[in-house]
Amino acid sequence: MARDVMNTLLLPFSIVFFGSLLIQLLAVVIYKRRNTRRYGKQVVATVKQIQVWLDGWYVTAVWTDMVTQRSYTFESKCIAYELKQHVGDSVIVHVDPKNPERYSMKF
């Protein structure tokens, strides 16, 4: 009997605990994504390669900074839907100027 009472009390507390962890994780992800867009630099990169795998599409794009003449290569995460872009088309990339390894591509 006491064990049943403990189990019924433990379940709501565990749901609340893991729910709050999930909310915190989502808040951090959203914060980082918004920071990249808000404080980041928006550039227009050229699609150089599109790969089709079993799990989706992967895009590689290149942008050259005209001031420094340095080229940056951006690789997308797996894209589950068919792309409208083709090789040679433009794609918008939000880049963190302090850390160019942090970016997000907009399709």
C-alpha atoms as a PDB file:
ATOM      1  CA  MET A   1       0.000   0.000   0.000  1.00  0.00           C
ATOM      2  CA  ALA A   2       2.749   2.458   0.955  1.00  0.00           C
ATOM      3  CA  ARG A   3       4.599   1.554  -2.210  1.00  0.00           C
ATOM      4  CA  ASP A   4       1.556   2.411  -4.358  1.00  0.00           C
ATOM      5  CA  VAL A   5       1.287   5.802  -2.662  1.00  0.00           C
ATOM      6  CA  MET A   6       4.986   6.478  -3.296  1.00  0.00           C
ATOM      7  CA  ASN A   7       4.668   5.485  -6.950  1.00  0.00           C
ATOM      8  CA  THR A   8       1.667   7.736  -7.484  1.00  0.00           C
ATOM      9  CA  LEU A   9       3.530  10.649  -5.891  1.00  0.00           C
ATOM     10  CA  LEU A  10       6.781   9.937  -7.690  1.00  0.00           C
ATOM     11  CA  LEU A  11       5.274   9.950 -11.183  1.00  0.00           C
ATOM     12  CA  PRO A  12       3.988  13.573 -11.151  1.00  0.00           C
ATOM     13  CA  PHE A  13       7.220  14.849  -9.602  1.00  0.00           C
ATOM     14  CA  SER A  14       9.327  13.056 -12.202  1.00  0.00           C
ATOM     15  CA  ILE A  15       7.157  14.422 -15.015  1.00  0.00           C
ATOM     16  CA  VAL A  16       7.523  17.956 -13.664  1.00  0.00           C
ATOM     17  CA  PHE A  17      11.278  17.501 -13.180  1.00  0.00           C
ATOM     18  CA  PHE A  18      11.963  16.194 -16.690  1.00  0.00           C
ATOM     19  CA  GLY A  19       9.524  18.691 -18.190  1.00  0.00           C
ATOM     20  CA  SER A  20      11.385  21.576 -16.565  1.00  0.00           C
ATOM     21  CA  LEU A  21      14.706  20.215 -17.865  1.00  0.00           C
ATOM     22  CA  LEU A  22      13.262  20.008 -21.361  1.00  0.00           C
ATOM     23  CA  ILE A  23      11.953  23.579 -21.157  1.00  0.00           C
ATOM     24  CA  GLN A  24      15.361  24.832 -20.013  1.00  0.00           C
ATOM     25  CA  LEU A  25      17.103  23.001 -22.842  1.00  0.00           C
ATOM     26  CA  LEU A  26      14.701  24.439 -25.397  1.00  0.00           C
ATOM     27  CA  ALA A  27      15.185  27.926 -23.953  1.00  0.00           C
ATOM     28  CA  VAL A  28      18.968  27.658 -24.388  1.00  0.00           C
ATOM     29  CA  VAL A  29      18.619  26.430 -27.974  1.00  0.00           C
ATOM     30  CA  ILE A  30      16.189  29.221 -28.858  1.00  0.00           C
ATOM     31  CA  TYR A  31      18.409  31.824 -27.152  1.00  0.00           C
ATOM     32  CA  LYS A  32      21.485  30.715 -29.096  1.00  0.00           C
ATOM     33  CA  ARG A  33      19.591  30.637 -32.377  1.00  0.00           C
ATOM     34  CA  ARG A  34      18.140  34.128 -31.826  1.00  0.00           C
ATOM     35  CA  ASN A  35      21.527  35.482 -30.763  1.00  0.00           C
ATOM     36  CA  THR A  36      23.092  34.241 -33.974  1.00  0.00           C
ATOM     37  CA  ARG A  37      20.357  35.921 -35.992  1.00  0.00           C
ATOM     38  CA  ARG A  38      20.240  39.100 -33.916  1.00  0.00           C
ATOM     39  CA  TYR A  39      23.947  39.737 -33.475  1.00  0.00           C
ATOM     40  CA  GLY A  40      25.134  37.748 -36.431  1.00  0.00           C
ATOM     41  CA  LYS A  41      25.990  38.862 -39.880  1.00  0.00           C
ATOM     42  CA  GLN A  42      23.709  37.895 -42.725  1.00  0.00           C
ATOM     43  CA  VAL A  43      25.575  36.882 -45.869  1.00  0.00           C
ATOM     44  CA  VAL A  44      24.567  35.490 -49.221  1.00  0.00           C
ATOM     45  CA  ALA A  45      26.500  32.336 -50.043  1.00  0.00           C
ATOM     46  CA  THR A  46      26.599  30.373 -53.287  1.00  0.00           C
ATOM     47  CA  VAL A  47      25.496  26.738 -53.313  1.00  0.00           C
ATOM     48  CA  LYS A  48      28.466  24.668 -54.484  1.00  0.00           C
ATOM     49  CA  GLN A  49      27.248  21.141 -53.824  1.00  0.00           C
ATOM     50  CA  ILE A  50      24.025  19.294 -53.027  1.00  0.00           C
ATOM     51  CA  GLN A  51      24.223  15.722 -51.826  1.00  0.00           C
ATOM     52  CA  VAL A  52      21.251  13.400 -51.624  1.00  0.00           C
ATOM     53  CA  TRP A  53      21.470  10.622 -49.050  1.00  0.00           C
ATOM     54  CA  LEU A  54      18.916   8.177 -47.735  1.00  0.00           C
ATOM     55  CA  ASP A  55      18.153  10.402 -44.757  1.00  0.00           C
ATOM     56  CA  GLY A  56      17.850  13.672 -46.695  1.00  0.00           C
ATOM     57  CA  TRP A  57      19.638  16.479 -48.500  1.00  0.00           C
ATOM     58  CA  TYR A  58      22.939  18.136 -47.566  1.00  0.00           C
ATOM     59  CA  VAL A  59      24.009  21.504 -48.965  1.00  0.00           C
ATOM     60  CA  THR A  60      27.497  22.977 -49.135  1.00  0.00           C
ATOM     61  CA  ALA A  61      27.717  26.727 -49.783  1.00  0.00           C
ATOM     62  CA  VAL A  62      30.665  29.123 -50.048  1.00  0.00           C
ATOM     63  CA  TRP A  63      30.945  32.823 -49.270  1.00  0.00           C
ATOM     64  CA  THR A  64      33.973  35.086 -49.704  1.00  0.00           C
ATOM     65  CA  ASP A  65      34.429  38.092 -47.444  1.00  0.00           C
ATOM     66  CA  MET A  66      35.325  40.944 -49.784  1.00  0.00           C
ATOM     67  CA  VAL A  67      37.187  42.860 -47.074  1.00  0.00           C
ATOM     68  CA  THR A  68      39.525  40.059 -45.984  1.00  0.00           C
ATOM     69  CA  GLN A  69      39.304  37.971 -49.183  1.00  0.00           C
ATOM     70  CA  ARG A  70      38.792  34.924 -46.972  1.00  0.00           C
ATOM     71  CA  SER A  71      36.402  32.205 -48.122  1.00  0.00           C
ATOM     72  CA  TYR A  72      34.062  30.400 -45.749  1.00  0.00           C
ATOM     73  CA  THR A  73      32.417  27.059 -46.404  1.00  0.00           C
ATOM     74  CA  PHE A  74      29.056  26.294 -44.806  1.00  0.00           C
ATOM     75  CA  GLU A  75      27.553  22.821 -44.589  1.00  0.00           C
ATOM     76  CA  SER A  76      23.905  22.298 -43.769  1.00  0.00           C
ATOM     77  CA  LYS A  77      22.425  19.798 -41.404  1.00  0.00           C
ATOM     78  CA  CYS A  78      20.218  17.083 -42.872  1.00  0.00           C
ATOM     79  CA  ILE A  79      17.254  18.576 -44.730  1.00  0.00           C
ATOM     80  CA  ALA A  80      14.235  16.288 -44.843  1.00  0.00           C
ATOM     81  CA  TYR A  81      12.369  18.031 -47.663  1.00  0.00           C
ATOM     82  CA  GLU A  82      13.240  18.501 -51.321  1.00  0.00           C
ATOM     83  CA  LEU A  83      15.155  21.702 -51.983  1.00  0.00           C
ATOM     84  CA  LYS A  84      14.216  24.479 -54.364  1.00  0.00           C
ATOM     85  CA  GLN A  85      17.837  25.603 -54.626  1.00  0.00           C
ATOM     86  CA  HIS A  86      20.241  24.246 -57.215  1.00  0.00           C
ATOM     87  CA  VAL A  87      24.011  24.407 -57.550  1.00  0.00           C
ATOM     88  CA  GLY A  88      24.931  28.026 -58.281  1.00  0.00           C
ATOM     89  CA  ASP A  89      21.887  29.483 -56.515  1.00  0.00           C
ATOM     90  CA  SER A  90      22.137  31.778 -53.515  1.00  0.00           C
ATOM     91  CA  VAL A  91      21.318  30.886 -49.925  1.00  0.00           C
ATOM     92  CA  ILE A  92      21.151  33.158 -46.872  1.00  0.00           C
ATOM     93  CA  VAL A  93      23.514  32.288 -44.032  1.00  0.00           C
ATOM     94  CA  HIS A  94      23.480  33.897 -40.586  1.00  0.00           C
ATOM     95  CA  VAL A  95      27.066  33.923 -39.296  1.00  0.00           C
ATOM     96  CA  ASP A  96      28.369  34.830 -35.860  1.00  0.00           C
ATOM     97  CA  PRO A  97      31.148  37.358 -36.659  1.00  0.00           C
ATOM     98  CA  LYS A  98      33.050  36.433 -33.500  1.00  0.00           C
ATOM     99  CA  ASN A  99      32.892  32.717 -34.265  1.00  0.00           C
ATOM    100  CA  PRO A 100      32.265  31.877 -37.954  1.00  0.00           C
ATOM    101  CA  GLU A 101      31.864  28.211 -37.007  1.00  0.00           C
ATOM    102  CA  ARG A 102      28.453  29.214 -35.590  1.00  0.00           C
ATOM    103  CA  TYR A 103      26.044  29.715 -38.435  1.00  0.00           C
ATOM    104  CA  SER A 104      22.623  28.773 -39.674  1.00  0.00           C
ATOM    105  CA  MET A 105      21.520  28.415 -43.263  1.00  0.00           C
ATOM    106  CA  LYS A 106      18.086  29.585 -44.390  1.00  0.00           C
ATOM    107  CA  PHE A 107      16.398  27.703 -47.213  1.00  0.00           C
END
